[in-house]
Protein backbone atom coordinates (compact mmCIF):
# COMPACT_ATOMS: atom_id res chain seq x y z
CA UNK A 1 -88.35 174.62 55.44
CA UNK A 2 -90.79 171.78 56.06
CA UNK A 3 -89.61 169.91 53.01
CA UNK A 4 -85.95 170.29 54.02
CA UNK A 5 -86.69 169.00 57.49
CA UNK A 6 -88.51 165.96 56.04
CA UNK A 7 -85.59 165.19 53.67
CA UNK A 8 -83.08 165.51 56.54
CA UNK A 9 -85.18 163.27 58.76
CA UNK A 10 -85.57 160.64 56.03
CA UNK A 11 -81.82 160.73 55.41
CA UNK A 12 -81.12 160.25 59.12
CA UNK A 13 -83.54 157.31 59.36
CA UNK A 14 -81.97 155.69 56.31
CA UNK A 15 -78.53 156.07 57.85
CA UNK A 16 -79.73 154.42 61.07
CA UNK A 17 -81.29 151.52 59.15
CA UNK A 18 -78.09 150.94 57.14
CA UNK A 19 -75.95 151.16 60.28
CA UNK A 20 -78.26 148.72 62.07
CA UNK A 21 -78.06 146.28 59.19
CA UNK A 22 -74.24 146.40 59.32
CA UNK A 23 -74.29 145.78 63.07
CA UNK A 24 -76.67 142.82 62.74
CA UNK A 25 -74.58 141.33 59.95
CA UNK A 26 -71.39 141.69 62.00
CA UNK A 27 -72.92 139.90 64.99
CA UNK A 28 -74.21 137.01 62.86
CA UNK A 29 -70.83 136.56 61.18
CA UNK A 30 -69.08 136.52 64.55
CA UNK A 31 -71.51 133.89 65.88
CA UNK A 32 -70.98 131.73 62.77
CA UNK A 33 -67.22 131.88 63.27
CA UNK A 34 -67.53 130.65 66.87
CA UNK A 35 -70.22 127.99 66.47
CA UNK A 36 -70.87 127.13 62.82
CA UNK A 37 -74.40 125.86 62.23
CA UNK A 38 -73.11 123.14 59.88
CA UNK A 39 -69.80 121.40 60.67
CA UNK A 40 -67.27 121.54 57.81
CA UNK A 41 -67.45 118.54 55.54
CA UNK A 42 -71.08 117.70 56.32
CA UNK A 43 -72.68 119.94 53.75
CA UNK A 44 -74.96 118.08 51.32
CA UNK A 45 -73.09 117.19 48.14
CA UNK A 46 -75.97 115.88 46.06
CA UNK A 47 -78.74 117.85 44.44
CA UNK A 48 -82.36 117.21 45.28
CA UNK A 49 -83.77 114.10 43.56
CA UNK A 50 -85.66 114.58 40.35
CA UNK A 51 -89.42 114.62 40.50
CA UNK A 52 -91.09 111.24 39.83
CA UNK A 53 -94.31 110.96 37.89
CA UNK A 54 -96.44 108.42 39.76
CA UNK A 55 -98.48 107.84 36.59
CA UNK A 56 -95.46 106.82 34.52
CA UNK A 57 -96.13 103.49 32.70
CA UNK A 58 -92.70 102.23 33.76
CA UNK A 59 -93.75 102.33 37.43
CA UNK A 60 -96.91 100.27 37.01
CA UNK A 61 -97.12 96.55 37.80
CA UNK A 62 -97.63 94.55 34.57
CA UNK A 63 -100.94 92.82 33.99
CA UNK A 64 -101.16 89.78 36.26
CA UNK A 65 -98.12 90.81 38.32
CA UNK A 66 -98.11 90.76 42.12
CA UNK A 67 -96.01 92.31 44.84
CA UNK A 68 -93.39 90.16 46.55
CA UNK A 69 -94.14 88.98 50.10
CA UNK A 70 -93.27 91.42 52.87
CA UNK A 71 -89.78 90.79 54.28
CA UNK A 72 -88.43 92.22 57.53
CA UNK A 73 -84.75 93.11 57.16
CA UNK A 74 -82.39 92.13 59.99
CA UNK A 75 -80.88 95.40 61.22
CA UNK A 76 -77.53 95.13 63.00
CA UNK A 77 -76.43 97.49 65.76
CA UNK A 78 -72.71 97.50 66.55
CA UNK A 79 -71.18 99.04 69.69
CA UNK A 80 -67.42 99.02 70.33
CA UNK A 81 -65.66 100.34 73.42
CA UNK A 82 -63.08 103.11 73.03
CA UNK A 83 -60.11 100.76 73.06
CA UNK A 84 -61.77 98.30 70.69
CA UNK A 85 -61.21 95.55 73.26
CA UNK A 86 -64.85 94.49 73.22
CA UNK A 87 -67.42 94.74 70.45
CA UNK A 88 -71.13 94.00 70.70
CA UNK A 89 -73.30 93.35 67.66
CA UNK A 90 -77.06 92.89 67.95
CA UNK A 91 -79.61 91.92 65.33
CA UNK A 92 -83.29 91.09 65.62
CA UNK A 93 -82.31 87.49 66.28
CA UNK A 94 -78.81 87.27 67.77
CA UNK A 95 -76.31 88.90 70.12
CA UNK A 96 -72.60 88.60 69.32
CA UNK A 97 -69.85 89.63 71.73
CA UNK A 98 -66.27 89.82 70.42
CA UNK A 99 -63.36 90.04 72.86
CA UNK A 100 -59.87 90.82 71.63
CA UNK A 101 -57.41 88.09 72.57
CA UNK A 102 -55.13 90.60 74.34
CA UNK A 103 -57.74 91.19 77.07
CA UNK A 104 -58.08 87.45 77.71
CA UNK A 105 -54.71 85.81 77.05
CA UNK A 106 -50.98 86.54 77.04
CA UNK A 107 -49.34 86.55 73.62
CA UNK A 108 -49.40 83.18 71.84
CA UNK A 109 -51.13 81.54 74.82
CA UNK A 110 -54.51 80.02 75.68
CA UNK A 111 -54.11 80.53 79.45
CA UNK A 112 -56.33 83.26 80.89
CA UNK A 113 -54.93 86.44 82.36
CA UNK A 114 -56.25 88.02 85.56
CA UNK A 115 -59.10 90.04 84.00
CA UNK A 116 -60.47 87.38 81.64
CA UNK A 117 -62.82 85.56 84.04
CA UNK A 118 -64.81 88.67 84.99
CA UNK A 119 -65.40 89.63 81.34
CA UNK A 120 -66.56 86.14 80.40
CA UNK A 121 -68.80 85.78 83.46
CA UNK A 122 -70.57 89.03 82.50
CA UNK A 123 -71.35 87.53 79.09
CA UNK A 124 -72.52 84.29 80.71
CA UNK A 125 -74.93 86.29 82.88
CA UNK A 126 -76.47 87.80 79.76
CA UNK A 127 -76.77 84.35 78.19
CA UNK A 128 -78.78 83.38 81.28
CA UNK A 129 -80.96 86.48 80.95
CA UNK A 130 -81.67 85.73 77.29
CA UNK A 131 -82.42 82.09 78.19
CA UNK A 132 -80.26 80.96 75.29
CA UNK A 133 -80.12 77.24 74.57
CA UNK A 134 -77.34 77.36 71.95
CA UNK A 135 -74.09 79.33 72.16
CA UNK A 136 -71.36 79.60 69.54
CA UNK A 137 -67.78 80.27 70.66
CA UNK A 138 -65.44 80.92 67.73
CA UNK A 139 -61.73 81.77 67.94
CA UNK A 140 -59.75 83.75 65.35
CA UNK A 141 -56.14 84.86 64.86
CA UNK A 142 -54.29 87.25 62.55
CA UNK A 143 -52.27 86.06 59.54
CA UNK A 144 -48.91 85.99 61.32
CA UNK A 145 -47.32 82.54 61.64
CA UNK A 146 -48.55 79.36 60.02
CA UNK A 147 -52.21 78.69 59.31
CA UNK A 148 -52.13 75.40 61.22
CA UNK A 149 -50.65 77.00 64.33
CA UNK A 150 -53.30 79.71 64.17
CA UNK A 151 -56.03 77.12 63.86
CA UNK A 152 -54.77 75.22 66.90
CA UNK A 153 -54.34 78.38 69.00
CA UNK A 154 -57.74 79.82 68.04
CA UNK A 155 -59.46 76.53 68.94
CA UNK A 156 -57.64 76.30 72.28
CA UNK A 157 -58.71 79.85 73.14
CA UNK A 158 -62.31 79.13 72.14
CA UNK A 159 -62.26 75.99 74.31
CA UNK A 160 -60.97 78.01 77.28
CA UNK A 161 -63.73 80.62 76.89
CA UNK A 162 -66.40 77.92 76.59
CA UNK A 163 -65.17 76.20 79.76
CA UNK A 164 -65.34 79.51 81.66
CA UNK A 165 -68.82 80.27 80.31
CA UNK A 166 -70.03 76.84 81.43
CA UNK A 167 -69.16 77.72 85.04
CA UNK A 168 -71.78 80.51 85.10
CA UNK A 169 -74.38 79.50 82.49
CA UNK A 170 -77.20 77.97 84.52
CA UNK A 171 -79.09 76.09 81.78
CA UNK A 172 -77.75 72.50 81.95
CA UNK A 173 -79.06 71.69 78.47
CA UNK A 174 -77.36 74.57 76.64
CA UNK A 175 -75.44 73.41 73.56
CA UNK A 176 -72.02 74.96 72.80
CA UNK A 177 -70.61 75.06 69.28
CA UNK A 178 -66.85 75.66 69.66
CA UNK A 179 -64.50 76.20 66.69
CA UNK A 180 -61.14 77.71 65.78
CA UNK A 181 -60.80 79.47 62.43
CA UNK A 182 -57.18 80.67 62.47
CA UNK A 183 -56.81 83.69 60.15
CA UNK A 184 -60.06 83.06 58.24
CA UNK A 185 -62.79 85.71 58.33
CA UNK A 186 -60.76 88.81 59.27
CA UNK A 187 -62.73 91.88 60.30
CA UNK A 188 -59.84 94.34 59.78
CA UNK A 189 -56.71 94.83 57.68
CA UNK A 190 -53.95 92.38 58.58
CA UNK A 191 -51.47 94.81 57.03
CA UNK A 192 -51.42 96.95 60.20
CA UNK A 193 -50.90 96.05 63.84
CA UNK A 194 -54.17 97.80 64.72
CA UNK A 195 -56.00 95.59 62.23
CA UNK A 196 -54.25 92.42 63.36
CA UNK A 197 -55.18 93.22 66.96
CA UNK A 198 -58.87 93.35 66.00
CA UNK A 199 -58.60 90.08 64.10
CA UNK A 200 -57.16 88.26 67.13
CA UNK A 201 -60.45 87.68 68.93
CA UNK A 202 -62.99 85.27 70.39
CA UNK A 203 -66.64 85.70 69.36
CA UNK A 204 -69.53 84.51 71.54
CA UNK A 205 -72.90 84.42 69.78
CA UNK A 206 -76.31 83.46 71.18
CA UNK A 207 -79.94 84.06 70.19
CA UNK A 208 -81.97 86.87 71.66
CA UNK A 209 -84.64 85.70 74.06
CA UNK A 210 -87.54 87.34 75.85
CA UNK A 211 -85.31 89.12 78.38
């Protein structure tokens, strides 16, 4: 009788363990379905790198060889607003602000619209904060129309932005470099209207200071 009771008890415990395992598995699967731990498409696709033998002759500097001088790479950080109307790019040395032409000018015009002055004055205030002594203002267009017309329009727009900056920039000795590049140096595909809109822009670049 004792042996039978022990067998029955062991069988009951085993059944509870198996049932508990099924319940735990069901809960985990449900949680994975609701909030997957790894978003689809982000799983690693490459295998782990092969082990490297640090004593391999191919990794040793030849007799008489020296290491190249240390070089600090210029890392760029790019921030673009949701509409793409304004883009900011920062490196260790420079700040570049790009404004799409649509937020500054009517179509095919170099006359400011109502919101242009406030945007440009905000950039001028940062130029003051950075204590910049040289500012580049470059205009660009898309590839629609003639190259010469684009060059004239892009220069006129760059001139207008420079004149507005000069009203707020406080350093009287700041040097402006103003140019119009027409359709040269596109940053997006001119084959789509979205790309052409990004290419129609004015870029304002100045060095980072001690601000």
